[in-house]
Amino acid sequence: MKNTTAPRRRDAAASKERLLAAAAHLFAERGFDKTTARDIGQLAGIDPTMIARYFGGKAQLYIAVLQAEDAGETPTDFLEPDRLAALVRRTDRSGPGPIFQAALKPYDDQTAQQAAAAELHRRIVAPLTARLAREHAADAHLRAELLTAALIGVVLARHTGVLATLAGADTDTVIALLEQALDQR
C-alpha cells in the first residue's frame, strides 16, 4: 500500500532565520574560524547541511550575518558621541563582532575576510573618511583608518583583559576618555 501521508513541510524562511541568529551569536562569540557548521546547526536545531542549501556555505552565511546586522541602516561616523557610545557598549555587552575580529586576526577563508574588510570599511572607515574630508583634514582616509585602529584596539583590549585597568574601567569613563583621545585628531 502506498504511503498517503503528506511530506513534512519545511519552513525555509524560519530555518534561515534560526541559522542566521545562531551563526551571528557564534561568530561574535568565537569568530569565523572557530565556529563550525555543525555548531551553528546544533544551536539552531537544524541539520548543518542546510547551511549549504540556504546560503551556499559557511562563508556565505557569514556574509549574510554581516549584511543582516544593519540592513537598511546608514552608518554614521563613530566620532558622533552616540555612535561611539553605542559601539563601545555593544562590544562590552557581546564582545567584538566579526568585523572587528577580522582586523585582529585575518580569517583563513578569503571570501569571509574580504566580506569582513568590506563591511568594516562600509560601516566604520567610509563614514569617518567622509566626515574628515568635509572638515578638510589632510589624508582623510589614512586618518580614518588610524582612528579605526585605535577604536578596535581599545575594544579588543577591554574584551581580552590584556590591559587590566582598561578592561576593568567603567564604560562611561572609557567612552569619555576615548572621545577626548579621538578628538585630538
Protein backbone atom coordinates (compact mmCIF):
# COMPACT_ATOMS: atom_id res chain seq x y z
CA MET A 1 0.00 0.00 0.00
CA LYS A 2 1.23 3.45 -0.91
CA ASN A 3 2.10 5.91 1.86
CA THR A 4 -0.51 8.67 1.67
CA THR A 5 0.83 10.93 4.37
CA ALA A 6 1.93 14.27 3.04
CA PRO A 7 5.61 15.04 3.29
CA ARG A 8 6.54 17.28 6.16
CA ARG A 9 6.78 20.87 5.00
CA ARG A 10 9.84 22.81 5.93
CA ASP A 11 9.56 26.45 6.80
CA ALA A 12 12.58 27.64 4.84
CA ALA A 13 12.27 31.26 5.99
CA ALA A 14 12.14 30.27 9.66
CA SER A 15 15.04 27.85 9.22
CA LYS A 16 17.15 30.53 7.54
CA GLU A 17 16.36 32.99 10.34
CA ARG A 18 17.33 30.44 13.00
CA LEU A 19 20.59 29.70 11.17
CA LEU A 20 21.33 33.43 10.85
CA ALA A 21 20.66 34.02 14.56
CA ALA A 22 22.75 31.04 15.65
CA ALA A 23 25.59 32.00 13.32
CA ALA A 24 25.56 35.64 14.46
CA HIS A 25 25.80 34.54 18.08
CA LEU A 26 28.59 32.02 17.48
CA PHE A 27 30.61 34.22 15.09
CA ALA A 28 30.53 37.06 17.62
CA GLU A 29 31.46 34.72 20.47
CA ARG A 30 34.12 32.58 18.76
CA GLY A 31 34.97 34.24 15.46
CA PHE A 32 34.57 32.78 11.99
CA ASP A 33 37.42 30.25 12.09
CA LYS A 34 36.45 28.67 15.42
CA THR A 35 32.77 28.32 14.53
CA THR A 36 31.79 25.15 12.69
CA ALA A 37 28.75 24.49 10.56
CA ARG A 38 27.90 21.69 12.96
CA ASP A 39 27.93 24.14 15.91
CA ILE A 40 25.64 26.54 14.03
CA GLY A 41 23.24 23.78 13.05
CA GLN A 42 23.17 22.40 16.57
CA LEU A 43 22.43 25.79 18.13
CA ALA A 44 19.74 26.49 15.51
CA GLY A 45 18.27 22.99 15.86
CA ILE A 46 18.71 22.44 12.12
CA ASP A 47 20.74 19.95 10.13
CA PRO A 48 24.03 21.76 9.34
CA THR A 49 23.84 20.63 5.72
CA MET A 50 21.03 23.15 5.33
CA ILE A 51 23.65 25.91 5.57
CA ALA A 52 24.90 24.91 2.12
CA ARG A 53 21.36 24.65 0.81
CA TYR A 54 20.19 28.04 2.06
CA PHE A 55 23.40 30.07 1.91
CA GLY A 56 25.95 28.17 -0.20
CA GLY A 57 28.34 27.52 2.67
CA LYS A 58 29.69 28.86 5.95
CA ALA A 59 31.47 31.82 4.30
CA GLN A 60 28.28 32.89 2.54
CA LEU A 61 26.35 32.53 5.82
CA TYR A 62 28.95 34.76 7.46
CA ILE A 63 28.42 37.38 4.75
CA ALA A 64 24.65 37.14 5.27
CA VAL A 65 25.13 37.71 9.02
CA LEU A 66 27.23 40.81 8.33
CA GLN A 67 24.63 42.19 5.94
CA ALA A 68 21.73 41.41 8.26
CA GLU A 69 23.31 43.16 11.24
CA ASP A 70 22.42 46.60 9.98
CA ALA A 71 20.25 46.08 6.92
CA GLY A 72 18.92 49.41 5.77
CA GLU A 73 20.93 51.40 8.29
CA THR A 74 23.13 54.20 7.02
CA PRO A 75 26.14 54.17 9.32
CA THR A 76 27.28 57.39 10.94
CA ASP A 77 30.88 58.03 11.84
CA PHE A 78 31.99 56.97 15.28
CA LEU A 79 33.18 60.46 16.22
CA GLU A 80 29.50 61.16 16.84
CA PRO A 81 29.22 60.61 20.63
CA ASP A 82 26.08 58.47 20.41
CA ARG A 83 27.65 56.19 17.77
CA LEU A 84 30.90 55.79 19.73
CA ALA A 85 28.99 55.05 22.93
CA ALA A 86 26.79 52.50 21.13
CA LEU A 87 29.82 50.71 19.66
CA VAL A 88 31.64 50.54 22.99
CA ARG A 89 28.53 49.44 24.90
CA ARG A 90 27.67 46.76 22.32
CA THR A 91 31.16 45.29 22.40
CA ASP A 92 31.19 45.43 26.20
CA ARG A 93 27.90 43.52 26.19
CA SER A 94 28.55 40.92 23.48
CA GLY A 95 32.23 41.14 22.61
CA PRO A 96 33.81 42.38 19.42
CA GLY A 97 31.81 41.29 16.40
CA PRO A 98 33.15 39.51 13.35
CA ILE A 99 34.34 42.62 11.54
CA PHE A 100 36.43 43.82 14.49
CA GLN A 101 37.76 40.30 14.99
CA ALA A 102 38.85 40.16 11.35
CA ALA A 103 41.01 43.24 11.93
CA LEU A 104 42.84 41.41 14.70
CA LYS A 105 43.35 38.06 13.02
CA PRO A 106 42.51 37.59 9.35
CA TYR A 107 40.20 34.69 8.60
CA ASP A 108 41.61 31.67 6.77
CA ASP A 109 38.72 31.85 4.31
CA GLN A 110 39.45 34.67 1.84
CA THR A 111 35.77 35.18 1.00
CA ALA A 112 34.94 35.74 4.66
CA GLN A 113 37.97 38.01 5.14
CA GLN A 114 37.06 40.13 2.13
CA ALA A 115 33.46 40.41 3.34
CA ALA A 116 34.60 41.46 6.81
CA ALA A 117 37.03 44.03 5.39
CA ALA A 118 34.33 45.44 3.09
CA GLU A 119 31.87 45.72 5.99
CA LEU A 120 34.49 47.35 8.24
CA HIS A 121 35.14 49.88 5.52
CA ARG A 122 31.45 50.50 4.81
CA ARG A 123 30.33 50.75 8.44
CA ILE A 124 33.30 52.38 10.12
CA VAL A 125 36.02 53.75 7.82
CA ALA A 126 33.95 55.28 4.99
CA PRO A 127 31.64 57.40 7.19
CA LEU A 128 34.65 58.65 9.16
CA THR A 129 36.61 59.37 5.97
CA ALA A 130 33.67 61.40 4.66
CA ARG A 131 33.49 63.43 7.87
CA LEU A 132 37.22 64.12 7.89
CA ALA A 133 37.11 65.11 4.22
CA ARG A 134 34.24 67.54 4.95
CA GLU A 135 36.45 69.01 7.68
CA HIS A 136 39.26 69.34 5.09
CA ALA A 137 41.58 67.04 7.04
CA ALA A 138 44.75 66.14 5.19
CA ASP A 139 44.97 62.41 4.45
CA ALA A 140 41.34 61.87 5.49
CA HIS A 141 41.31 58.18 4.60
CA LEU A 142 44.59 57.44 6.40
CA ARG A 143 43.39 59.34 9.46
CA ALA A 144 40.10 57.42 9.39
CA GLU A 145 41.95 54.11 9.31
CA LEU A 146 44.25 55.18 12.17
CA LEU A 147 41.30 56.24 14.32
CA THR A 148 39.51 53.00 13.46
CA ALA A 149 42.57 51.00 14.51
CA ALA A 150 42.64 52.92 17.81
CA LEU A 151 38.98 52.14 18.47
CA ILE A 152 39.43 48.47 17.61
CA GLY A 153 42.46 48.31 19.88
CA VAL A 154 40.52 49.71 22.82
CA VAL A 155 37.57 47.39 22.23
CA LEU A 156 39.74 44.29 21.89
CA ALA A 157 41.94 45.16 24.88
CA ARG A 158 38.84 45.61 27.05
CA HIS A 159 37.41 42.33 25.83
CA THR A 160 40.56 40.24 26.30
CA GLY A 161 41.52 41.86 29.59
CA VAL A 162 45.12 42.17 28.43
CA LEU A 163 45.17 45.73 29.79
CA ALA A 164 43.62 45.12 33.20
CA THR A 165 42.90 48.73 34.17
CA LEU A 166 41.26 49.44 30.82
CA ALA A 167 39.29 46.19 30.97
CA GLY A 168 38.02 46.95 34.47
CA ALA A 169 37.24 50.62 33.90
CA ASP A 170 33.69 51.90 33.98
CA THR A 171 32.20 52.01 30.48
CA ASP A 172 31.13 55.66 30.74
CA THR A 173 34.65 56.64 31.81
CA VAL A 174 36.18 54.74 28.90
CA ILE A 175 33.76 56.39 26.45
CA ALA A 176 34.57 59.87 27.79
CA LEU A 177 38.33 59.28 27.64
CA LEU A 178 38.06 57.73 24.19
CA GLU A 179 36.06 60.73 22.95
CA GLN A 180 38.81 63.03 24.27
CA ALA A 181 41.59 60.95 22.71
CA LEU A 182 39.87 60.71 19.33
CA ASP A 183 39.14 64.44 19.34
CA GLN A 184 42.91 65.07 19.21
CA ARG A 185 42.84 64.15 15.52
